[in-house]
Every structure is written in structure tokens, then in C-alpha cells.
C-alpha atoms as a PDB file:
ATOM      1  CA  UNK A   1      32.285 -19.746   2.107  1.00  0.00           C
ATOM      2  CA  UNK A   2      29.494 -21.592   0.264  1.00  0.00           C
ATOM      3  CA  UNK A   3      27.991 -18.283  -0.832  1.00  0.00           C
ATOM      4  CA  UNK A   4      31.311 -17.223  -2.337  1.00  0.00           C
ATOM      5  CA  UNK A   5      31.634 -20.502  -4.225  1.00  0.00           C
ATOM      6  CA  UNK A   6      28.065 -20.249  -5.517  1.00  0.00           C
ATOM      7  CA  UNK A   7      28.566 -16.631  -6.640  1.00  0.00           C
ATOM      8  CA  UNK A   8      31.762 -17.677  -8.412  1.00  0.00           C
ATOM      9  CA  UNK A   9      30.021 -20.539 -10.229  1.00  0.00           C
ATOM     10  CA  UNK A  10      27.125 -18.262 -11.236  1.00  0.00           C
ATOM     11  CA  UNK A  11      29.561 -15.691 -12.600  1.00  0.00           C
ATOM     12  CA  UNK A  12      31.670 -18.332 -14.367  1.00  0.00           C
ATOM     13  CA  UNK A  13      28.584 -19.734 -16.095  1.00  0.00           C
ATOM     14  CA  UNK A  14      27.443 -16.273 -17.161  1.00  0.00           C
ATOM     15  CA  UNK A  15      24.189 -16.520 -15.216  1.00  0.00           C
ATOM     16  CA  UNK A  16      24.518 -13.327 -13.168  1.00  0.00           C
ATOM     17  CA  UNK A  17      22.589 -11.176 -15.658  1.00  0.00           C
ATOM     18  CA  UNK A  18      19.688 -13.650 -15.832  1.00  0.00           C
ATOM     19  CA  UNK A  19      19.482 -13.972 -12.067  1.00  0.00           C
ATOM     20  CA  UNK A  20      19.595 -10.199 -11.619  1.00  0.00           C
ATOM     21  CA  UNK A  21      16.825  -9.794 -14.214  1.00  0.00           C
ATOM     22  CA  UNK A  22      14.609 -12.288 -12.375  1.00  0.00           C
ATOM     23  CA  UNK A  23      15.311 -10.519  -9.067  1.00  0.00           C
ATOM     24  CA  UNK A  24      14.412  -7.120 -10.567  1.00  0.00           C
ATOM     25  CA  UNK A  25      11.118  -8.380 -12.008  1.00  0.00           C
ATOM     26  CA  UNK A  26      10.172 -10.069  -8.736  1.00  0.00           C
ATOM     27  CA  UNK A  27      11.103  -6.947  -6.741  1.00  0.00           C
ATOM     28  CA  UNK A  28       8.972  -4.798  -9.075  1.00  0.00           C
ATOM     29  CA  UNK A  29       5.942  -6.967  -8.322  1.00  0.00           C
ATOM     30  CA  UNK A  30       6.488  -6.393  -4.596  1.00  0.00           C
ATOM     31  CA  UNK A  31       7.219  -2.651  -4.848  1.00  0.00           C
ATOM     32  CA  UNK A  32       4.518  -1.766  -7.372  1.00  0.00           C
ATOM     33  CA  UNK A  33       1.690  -3.450  -5.494  1.00  0.00           C
ATOM     34  CA  UNK A  34      -1.576  -4.773  -6.903  1.00  0.00           C
ATOM     35  CA  UNK A  35      -2.925  -1.521  -8.350  1.00  0.00           C
ATOM     36  CA  UNK A  36       0.132  -0.721 -10.476  1.00  0.00           C
ATOM     37  CA  UNK A  37       0.703  -4.391 -11.313  1.00  0.00           C
ATOM     38  CA  UNK A  38      -2.855  -4.397 -12.627  1.00  0.00           C
ATOM     39  CA  UNK A  39      -2.023  -1.801 -15.292  1.00  0.00           C
ATOM     40  CA  UNK A  40       1.489  -3.009 -16.232  1.00  0.00           C
ATOM     41  CA  UNK A  41       2.811  -6.046 -18.049  1.00  0.00           C
ATOM     42  CA  UNK A  42       5.730  -7.370 -20.086  1.00  0.00           C
ATOM     43  CA  UNK A  43       8.608  -6.209 -17.922  1.00  0.00           C
ATOM     44  CA  UNK A  44      12.187  -6.840 -19.018  1.00  0.00           C
ATOM     45  CA  UNK A  45      15.717  -5.663 -18.261  1.00  0.00           C
ATOM     46  CA  UNK A  46      18.394  -4.568 -20.691  1.00  0.00           C
ATOM     47  CA  UNK A  47      21.777  -3.106 -19.662  1.00  0.00           C
ATOM     48  CA  UNK A  48      20.542  -1.833 -16.304  1.00  0.00           C
ATOM     49  CA  UNK A  49      17.403  -0.351 -17.829  1.00  0.00           C
ATOM     50  CA  UNK A  50      14.119  -1.789 -16.583  1.00  0.00           C
ATOM     51  CA  UNK A  51      11.312  -1.617 -19.147  1.00  0.00           C
ATOM     52  CA  UNK A  52       7.678  -1.706 -18.057  1.00  0.00           C
ATOM     53  CA  UNK A  53       4.805  -1.889 -20.530  1.00  0.00           C
ATOM     54  CA  UNK A  54       1.858   0.193 -19.290  1.00  0.00           C
ATOM     55  CA  UNK A  55      -1.667  -0.481 -20.597  1.00  0.00           C
ATOM     56  CA  UNK A  56      -2.921   3.102 -20.280  1.00  0.00           C
ATOM     57  CA  UNK A  57      -1.455   6.425 -21.422  1.00  0.00           C
ATOM     58  CA  UNK A  58      -2.725   8.134 -18.263  1.00  0.00           C
ATOM     59  CA  UNK A  59      -1.039   5.560 -16.030  1.00  0.00           C
ATOM     60  CA  UNK A  60       2.128   5.702 -18.115  1.00  0.00           C
ATOM     61  CA  UNK A  61       2.353   9.461 -17.624  1.00  0.00           C
ATOM     62  CA  UNK A  62       1.708   9.152 -13.885  1.00  0.00           C
ATOM     63  CA  UNK A  63       4.401   6.499 -13.484  1.00  0.00           C
ATOM     64  CA  UNK A  64       6.825   8.376 -15.741  1.00  0.00           C
ATOM     65  CA  UNK A  65       6.575  11.523 -13.608  1.00  0.00           C
ATOM     66  CA  UNK A  66       7.664   9.499 -10.564  1.00  0.00           C
ATOM     67  CA  UNK A  67      10.188   7.200 -12.238  1.00  0.00           C
ATOM     68  CA  UNK A  68      13.074   8.388 -10.034  1.00  0.00           C
ATOM     69  CA  UNK A  69      11.112   7.477  -6.926  1.00  0.00           C
ATOM     70  CA  UNK A  70      10.163   4.114  -8.408  1.00  0.00           C
ATOM     71  CA  UNK A  71      13.819   3.416  -9.263  1.00  0.00           C
ATOM     72  CA  UNK A  72      14.892   4.246  -5.703  1.00  0.00           C
ATOM     73  CA  UNK A  73      12.201   2.035  -4.183  1.00  0.00           C
ATOM     74  CA  UNK A  74      13.089  -0.813  -6.530  1.00  0.00           C
ATOM     75  CA  UNK A  75      16.809  -0.582  -5.795  1.00  0.00           C
ATOM     76  CA  UNK A  76      16.087  -0.379  -2.054  1.00  0.00           C
ATOM     77  CA  UNK A  77      14.050  -3.584  -2.341  1.00  0.00           C
ATOM     78  CA  UNK A  78      16.953  -5.221  -4.206  1.00  0.00           C
ATOM     79  CA  UNK A  79      19.538  -4.053  -1.675  1.00  0.00           C
ATOM     80  CA  UNK A  80      21.742  -2.531  -4.367  1.00  0.00           C
ATOM     81  CA  UNK A  81      21.843  -0.386  -7.469  1.00  0.00           C
ATOM     82  CA  UNK A  82      20.900  -2.906 -10.136  1.00  0.00           C
ATOM     83  CA  UNK A  83      18.477  -0.586 -11.948  1.00  0.00           C
ATOM     84  CA  UNK A  84      19.926   2.631 -13.335  1.00  0.00           C
ATOM     85  CA  UNK A  85      16.791   3.669 -15.225  1.00  0.00           C
ATOM     86  CA  UNK A  86      13.121   2.708 -15.514  1.00  0.00           C
ATOM     87  CA  UNK A  87      11.422   3.155 -18.872  1.00  0.00           C
ATOM     88  CA  UNK A  88       7.630   3.116 -18.932  1.00  0.00           C
ATOM     89  CA  UNK A  89       6.213   2.334 -22.386  1.00  0.00           C
END
């Protein structure tokens, strides 16, 4: 019951998108691990698209080739389909 009320208040205040964005960024840190986190920065979410800035072209290409797998792992960590696409830049 409390959870339903809280979800309703969050939705009424228009905070759902901000909370989901924070959850996605936190989940990425857990899924990516220290090695990938060490070469990425400036993550943000826009309309279900998760953007990740990559410091190296070689790493960007490696991550880009496996972006479907990364999206699946991220959504599994989140327990839902919040991320429809990952864009490595």
C-alpha cells in the first residue's frame, strides 16, 4: 500500500524520469565494472536512450560492437526495460 502511494506521488510530481535516470546510471556502474568504468564518463539518459562518453576510440568500438549485450545486462540489473538503446560516443 505504501509503495503504491509513493509511486503515485512520484508520478504526480513528475519525478519518475529523474529517478529512472539515476537508477540507470547507478546500474551501469555496477554492470560495467571497474575496467569499463575507468574508460567511460559523462553518462546521461534521454528518451530511453542511454548515452555513454568513452575516452578511447578503441574502447568505443569494442563497446559499440556489444551494445545489445550491454543493454540486456543493464535492463536485467534494473529489473525492467528502461533502456531501449545504448549510444557510445
